[in-house]
PDB file of all heavy atoms in Angstrom:
ATOM      1  N   ASN A   1     -53.045  75.162 -16.789  1.00  0.00           N
ATOM      2  CA  ASN A   1     -52.011  75.054 -15.659  1.00  0.00           C
ATOM      3  C   ASN A   1     -51.643  73.706 -15.376  1.00  0.00           C
ATOM      4  O   ASN A   1     -50.407  73.564 -15.112  1.00  0.00           O
ATOM      5  CB  ASN A   1     -52.495  75.868 -14.424  1.00  0.00           C
ATOM      6  CG  ASN A   1     -52.542  77.311 -14.563  1.00  0.00           C
ATOM      7  OD1 ASN A   1     -52.110  77.900 -15.688  1.00  0.00           O
ATOM      8  ND2 ASN A   1     -52.944  78.165 -13.568  1.00  0.00           N
ATOM      9  N   GLY A   2     -52.644  72.900 -15.303  1.00  0.00           N
ATOM     10  CA  GLY A   2     -52.142  71.478 -14.969  1.00  0.00           C
ATOM     11  C   GLY A   2     -52.389  70.408 -16.063  1.00  0.00           C
ATOM     12  O   GLY A   2     -52.245  69.261 -15.788  1.00  0.00           O
ATOM     13  N   LEU A   3     -52.688  70.818 -17.241  1.00  0.00           N
ATOM     14  CA  LEU A   3     -53.108  70.009 -18.396  1.00  0.00           C
ATOM     15  C   LEU A   3     -52.265  70.317 -19.572  1.00  0.00           C
ATOM     16  O   LEU A   3     -51.904  71.368 -19.925  1.00  0.00           O
ATOM     17  CB  LEU A   3     -54.524  70.041 -18.699  1.00  0.00           C
ATOM     18  CG  LEU A   3     -55.535  69.843 -17.379  1.00  0.00           C
ATOM     19  CD1 LEU A   3     -56.949  70.184 -17.894  1.00  0.00           C
ATOM     20  CD2 LEU A   3     -55.484  68.366 -16.892  1.00  0.00           C
ATOM     21  N   ALA A   4     -52.153  69.126 -20.358  1.00  0.00           N
ATOM     22  CA  ALA A   4     -51.551  69.311 -21.824  1.00  0.00           C
ATOM     23  C   ALA A   4     -52.159  68.294 -22.633  1.00  0.00           C
ATOM     24  O   ALA A   4     -52.915  67.392 -22.194  1.00  0.00           O
ATOM     25  CB  ALA A   4     -50.040  69.076 -21.673  1.00  0.00           C
ATOM     26  N   TRP A   5     -52.170  68.599 -23.972  1.00  0.00           N
ATOM     27  CA  TRP A   5     -52.670  67.686 -24.891  1.00  0.00           C
ATOM     28  C   TRP A   5     -51.941  66.328 -25.087  1.00  0.00           C
ATOM     29  O   TRP A   5     -50.686  66.363 -25.214  1.00  0.00           O
ATOM     30  CB  TRP A   5     -52.645  68.328 -26.398  1.00  0.00           C
ATOM     31  CG  TRP A   5     -53.809  69.360 -26.553  1.00  0.00           C
ATOM     32  CD1 TRP A   5     -53.711  70.763 -26.302  1.00  0.00           C
ATOM     33  CD2 TRP A   5     -55.112  69.197 -26.828  1.00  0.00           C
ATOM     34  NE1 TRP A   5     -54.831  71.373 -26.637  1.00  0.00           N
ATOM     35  CE2 TRP A   5     -55.815  70.372 -26.958  1.00  0.00           C
ATOM     36  CE3 TRP A   5     -55.893  67.933 -27.233  1.00  0.00           C
ATOM     37  CZ2 TRP A   5     -57.119  70.510 -27.266  1.00  0.00           C
ATOM     38  CZ3 TRP A   5     -57.236  68.174 -27.474  1.00  0.00           C
ATOM     39  CH2 TRP A   5     -57.730  69.370 -27.545  1.00  0.00           C
ATOM     40  N   VAL A   6     -52.610  65.273 -25.088  1.00  0.00           N
ATOM     41  CA  VAL A   6     -52.097  63.958 -25.279  1.00  0.00           C
ATOM     42  C   VAL A   6     -52.911  63.322 -26.455  1.00  0.00           C
ATOM     43  O   VAL A   6     -53.957  63.694 -26.811  1.00  0.00           O
ATOM     44  CB  VAL A   6     -52.254  63.156 -23.986  1.00  0.00           C
ATOM     45  CG1 VAL A   6     -51.271  63.570 -22.935  1.00  0.00           C
ATOM     46  CG2 VAL A   6     -53.643  63.093 -23.542  1.00  0.00           C
ATOM     47  N   GLN A   7     -52.328  62.155 -26.929  1.00  0.00           N
ATOM     48  CA  GLN A   7     -52.977  61.392 -28.040  1.00  0.00           C
ATOM     49  C   GLN A   7     -52.855  59.936 -27.712  1.00  0.00           C
ATOM     50  O   GLN A   7     -51.670  59.558 -27.454  1.00  0.00           O
ATOM     51  CB  GLN A   7     -52.433  61.776 -29.373  1.00  0.00           C
ATOM     52  CG  GLN A   7     -53.235  61.064 -30.537  1.00  0.00           C
ATOM     53  CD  GLN A   7     -53.093  61.819 -31.836  1.00  0.00           C
ATOM     54  OE1 GLN A   7     -52.553  62.864 -31.935  1.00  0.00           O
ATOM     55  NE2 GLN A   7     -53.963  61.395 -32.869  1.00  0.00           N
ATOM     56  N   ASN A   8     -54.028  59.345 -27.937  1.00  0.00           N
ATOM     57  CA  ASN A   8     -53.900  57.848 -27.705  1.00  0.00           C
ATOM     58  C   ASN A   8     -53.544  57.182 -28.996  1.00  0.00           C
ATOM     59  O   ASN A   8     -54.316  57.294 -29.933  1.00  0.00           O
ATOM     60  CB  ASN A   8     -55.257  57.396 -27.195  1.00  0.00           C
ATOM     61  CG  ASN A   8     -55.300  55.835 -26.765  1.00  0.00           C
ATOM     62  OD1 ASN A   8     -54.540  55.082 -27.185  1.00  0.00           O
ATOM     63  ND2 ASN A   8     -56.283  55.531 -25.976  1.00  0.00           N
ATOM     64  N   PHE A   9     -52.422  56.420 -29.105  1.00  0.00           N
ATOM     65  CA  PHE A   9     -52.127  55.833 -30.319  1.00  0.00           C
ATOM     66  C   PHE A   9     -52.737  54.519 -30.688  1.00  0.00           C
ATOM     67  O   PHE A   9     -52.400  53.701 -31.501  1.00  0.00           O
ATOM     68  CB  PHE A   9     -50.561  55.721 -30.309  1.00  0.00           C
ATOM     69  CG  PHE A   9     -49.889  56.999 -30.932  1.00  0.00           C
ATOM     70  CD1 PHE A   9     -50.128  58.113 -30.551  1.00  0.00           C
ATOM     71  CD2 PHE A   9     -49.032  56.781 -32.155  1.00  0.00           C
ATOM     72  CE1 PHE A   9     -49.540  59.335 -30.925  1.00  0.00           C
ATOM     73  CE2 PHE A   9     -48.432  57.932 -32.653  1.00  0.00           C
ATOM     74  CZ  PHE A   9     -48.675  59.199 -32.153  1.00  0.00           C
ATOM     75  N   LEU A  10     -53.740  54.139 -29.621  1.00  0.00           N
ATOM     76  CA  LEU A  10     -54.496  52.966 -29.910  1.00  0.00           C
ATOM     77  C   LEU A  10     -55.646  53.219 -30.797  1.00  0.00           C
ATOM     78  O   LEU A  10     -55.991  52.520 -31.778  1.00  0.00           O
ATOM     79  CB  LEU A  10     -54.975  52.356 -28.578  1.00  0.00           C
ATOM     80  CG  LEU A  10     -55.960  51.222 -28.629  1.00  0.00           C
ATOM     81  CD1 LEU A  10     -55.222  49.990 -29.365  1.00  0.00           C
ATOM     82  CD2 LEU A  10     -56.485  50.782 -27.303  1.00  0.00           C
ATOM     83  N   ASN A  11     -56.261  54.372 -30.642  1.00  0.00           N
ATOM     84  CA  ASN A  11     -57.599  54.865 -31.338  1.00  0.00           C
ATOM     85  C   ASN A  11     -57.499  56.159 -31.918  1.00  0.00           C
ATOM     86  O   ASN A  11     -58.397  56.623 -32.562  1.00  0.00           O
ATOM     87  CB  ASN A  11     -58.877  54.614 -30.443  1.00  0.00           C
ATOM     88  CG  ASN A  11     -58.590  55.336 -29.104  1.00  0.00           C
ATOM     89  OD1 ASN A  11     -57.905  56.375 -29.150  1.00  0.00           O
ATOM     90  ND2 ASN A  11     -59.333  54.951 -28.124  1.00  0.00           N
ATOM     91  N   GLY A  12     -56.419  56.878 -31.661  1.00  0.00           N
ATOM     92  CA  GLY A  12     -56.279  58.272 -32.277  1.00  0.00           C
ATOM     93  C   GLY A  12     -56.906  59.357 -31.428  1.00  0.00           C
ATOM     94  O   GLY A  12     -56.738  60.605 -31.959  1.00  0.00           O
ATOM     95  N   TYR A  13     -57.488  59.173 -30.417  1.00  0.00           N
ATOM     96  CA  TYR A  13     -58.253  60.225 -29.608  1.00  0.00           C
ATOM     97  C   TYR A  13     -57.200  61.157 -29.141  1.00  0.00           C
ATOM     98  O   TYR A  13     -56.196  60.917 -28.536  1.00  0.00           O
ATOM     99  CB  TYR A  13     -59.076  59.713 -28.376  1.00  0.00           C
ATOM    100  CG  TYR A  13     -60.290  58.853 -28.812  1.00  0.00           C
ATOM    101  CD1 TYR A  13     -60.778  57.849 -27.942  1.00  0.00           C
ATOM    102  CD2 TYR A  13     -60.918  58.963 -30.046  1.00  0.00           C
ATOM    103  CE1 TYR A  13     -61.946  57.186 -28.212  1.00  0.00           C
ATOM    104  CE2 TYR A  13     -61.959  58.334 -30.410  1.00  0.00           C
ATOM    105  CZ  TYR A  13     -62.526  57.446 -29.606  1.00  0.00           C
ATOM    106  OH  TYR A  13     -63.576  56.620 -29.920  1.00  0.00           O
ATOM    107  N   GLN A  14     -57.468  62.428 -29.335  1.00  0.00           N
ATOM    108  CA  GLN A  14     -56.689  63.586 -28.748  1.00  0.00           C
ATOM    109  C   GLN A  14     -57.454  64.217 -27.626  1.00  0.00           C
ATOM    110  O   GLN A  14     -58.681  64.579 -27.685  1.00  0.00           O
ATOM    111  CB  GLN A  14     -56.413  64.577 -29.861  1.00  0.00           C
ATOM    112  CG  GLN A  14     -55.328  64.172 -30.759  1.00  0.00           C
ATOM    113  CD  GLN A  14     -54.813  65.168 -31.619  1.00  0.00           C
ATOM    114  OE1 GLN A  14     -55.496  65.893 -32.443  1.00  0.00           O
ATOM    115  NE2 GLN A  14     -53.451  65.481 -31.615  1.00  0.00           N
ATOM    116  N   LEU A  15     -56.847  64.305 -26.465  1.00  0.00           N
ATOM    117  CA  LEU A  15     -57.423  64.866 -25.288  1.00  0.00           C
ATOM    118  C   LEU A  15     -56.675  65.942 -24.696  1.00  0.00           C
ATOM    119  O   LEU A  15     -55.341  65.953 -24.699  1.00  0.00           O
ATOM    120  CB  LEU A  15     -57.566  63.812 -24.174  1.00  0.00           C
ATOM    121  CG  LEU A  15     -58.286  62.546 -24.642  1.00  0.00           C
ATOM    122  CD1 LEU A  15     -58.086  61.378 -23.527  1.00  0.00           C
ATOM    123  CD2 LEU A  15     -59.744  62.812 -24.809  1.00  0.00           C
ATOM    124  N   GLY A  16     -57.290  67.133 -24.239  1.00  0.00           N
ATOM    125  CA  GLY A  16     -56.582  68.142 -23.634  1.00  0.00           C
ATOM    126  C   GLY A  16     -56.482  68.056 -22.093  1.00  0.00           C
ATOM    127  O   GLY A  16     -56.173  68.975 -21.407  1.00  0.00           O
ATOM    128  N   THR A  17     -56.915  66.843 -21.708  1.00  0.00           N
ATOM    129  CA  THR A  17     -57.074  66.640 -20.136  1.00  0.00           C
ATOM    130  C   THR A  17     -55.814  65.698 -19.683  1.00  0.00           C
ATOM    131  O   THR A  17     -55.950  65.201 -18.630  1.00  0.00           O
ATOM    132  CB  THR A  17     -58.270  65.874 -19.879  1.00  0.00           C
ATOM    133  OG1 THR A  17     -58.377  64.755 -20.699  1.00  0.00           O
ATOM    134  CG2 THR A  17     -59.446  66.855 -20.157  1.00  0.00           C
ATOM    135  N   GLY A  18     -54.731  65.759 -20.369  1.00  0.00           N
ATOM    136  CA  GLY A  18     -53.596  65.012 -19.911  1.00  0.00           C
ATOM    137  C   GLY A  18     -53.027  65.796 -18.802  1.00  0.00           C
ATOM    138  O   GLY A  18     -52.579  66.880 -18.777  1.00  0.00           O
ATOM    139  N   ASP A  19     -52.943  65.011 -17.472  1.00  0.00           N
ATOM    140  CA  ASP A  19     -52.491  65.523 -16.306  1.00  0.00           C
ATOM    141  C   ASP A  19     -50.902  65.706 -16.459  1.00  0.00           C
ATOM    142  O   ASP A  19     -50.186  64.747 -16.829  1.00  0.00           O
ATOM    143  CB  ASP A  19     -52.819  64.563 -15.171  1.00  0.00           C
ATOM    144  CG  ASP A  19     -52.438  65.197 -13.826  1.00  0.00           C
ATOM    145  OD1 ASP A  19     -51.506  65.859 -13.617  1.00  0.00           O
ATOM    146  OD2 ASP A  19     -53.201  64.807 -12.857  1.00  0.00           O
ATOM    147  N   LYS A  20     -50.587  66.894 -16.240  1.00  0.00           N
ATOM    148  CA  LYS A  20     -48.980  67.072 -16.336  1.00  0.00           C
ATOM    149  C   LYS A  20     -48.167  66.305 -15.501  1.00  0.00           C
ATOM    150  O   LYS A  20     -46.958  66.042 -15.785  1.00  0.00           O
ATOM    151  CB  LYS A  20     -48.664  68.620 -16.183  1.00  0.00           C
ATOM    152  CG  LYS A  20     -49.139  69.669 -17.253  1.00  0.00           C
ATOM    153  CD  LYS A  20     -48.679  71.060 -16.823  1.00  0.00           C
ATOM    154  CE  LYS A  20     -49.048  72.082 -17.889  1.00  0.00           C
ATOM    155  NZ  LYS A  20     -48.623  73.409 -17.562  1.00  0.00           N
ATOM    156  N   GLU A  21     -48.766  65.808 -14.453  1.00  0.00           N
ATOM    157  CA  GLU A  21     -48.011  64.932 -13.568  1.00  0.00           C
ATOM    158  C   GLU A  21     -48.064  63.462 -13.893  1.00  0.00           C
ATOM    159  O   GLU A  21     -47.379  62.572 -13.415  1.00  0.00           O
ATOM    160  CB  GLU A  21     -48.516  65.082 -12.065  1.00  0.00           C
ATOM    161  CG  GLU A  21     -48.262  66.434 -11.452  1.00  0.00           C
ATOM    162  CD  GLU A  21     -48.672  66.479 -10.030  1.00  0.00           C
ATOM    163  OE1 GLU A  21     -49.797  65.940  -9.757  1.00  0.00           O
ATOM    164  OE2 GLU A  21     -47.900  67.117  -9.202  1.00  0.00           O
ATOM    165  N   GLY A  22     -48.945  63.158 -14.829  1.00  0.00           N
ATOM    166  CA  GLY A  22     -49.045  61.810 -15.296  1.00  0.00           C
ATOM    167  C   GLY A  22     -47.839  61.416 -16.186  1.00  0.00           C
ATOM    168  O   GLY A  22     -47.105  62.292 -16.686  1.00  0.00           O
ATOM    169  N   THR A  23     -47.844  60.045 -16.489  1.00  0.00           N
ATOM    170  CA  THR A  23     -46.718  59.659 -17.287  1.00  0.00           C
ATOM    171  C   THR A  23     -47.106  59.082 -18.572  1.00  0.00           C
ATOM    172  O   THR A  23     -47.974  58.187 -18.648  1.00  0.00           O
ATOM    173  CB  THR A  23     -45.869  58.561 -16.551  1.00  0.00           C
ATOM    174  OG1 THR A  23     -46.758  57.540 -16.134  1.00  0.00           O
ATOM    175  CG2 THR A  23     -45.171  59.092 -15.303  1.00  0.00           C
ATOM    176  N   ASN A  24     -46.648  59.641 -19.779  1.00  0.00           N
ATOM    177  CA  ASN A  24     -46.933  59.201 -21.051  1.00  0.00           C
ATOM    178  C   ASN A  24     -45.668  59.078 -21.774  1.00  0.00           C
ATOM    179  O   ASN A  24     -44.616  59.607 -21.475  1.00  0.00           O
ATOM    180  CB  ASN A  24     -47.942  60.226 -21.653  1.00  0.00           C
ATOM    181  CG  ASN A  24     -49.331  60.200 -20.972  1.00  0.00           C
ATOM    182  OD1 ASN A  24     -49.930  59.251 -20.692  1.00  0.00           O
ATOM    183  ND2 ASN A  24     -49.678  61.564 -20.474  1.00  0.00           N
TER     184      ASN A  24
END
């Protein structure tokens, strides 16, 4: 409900804990 998948393009880590209100 409050999370979406994000990926760090510095090291490739994929996280399902991206806060939907955060800015990416």
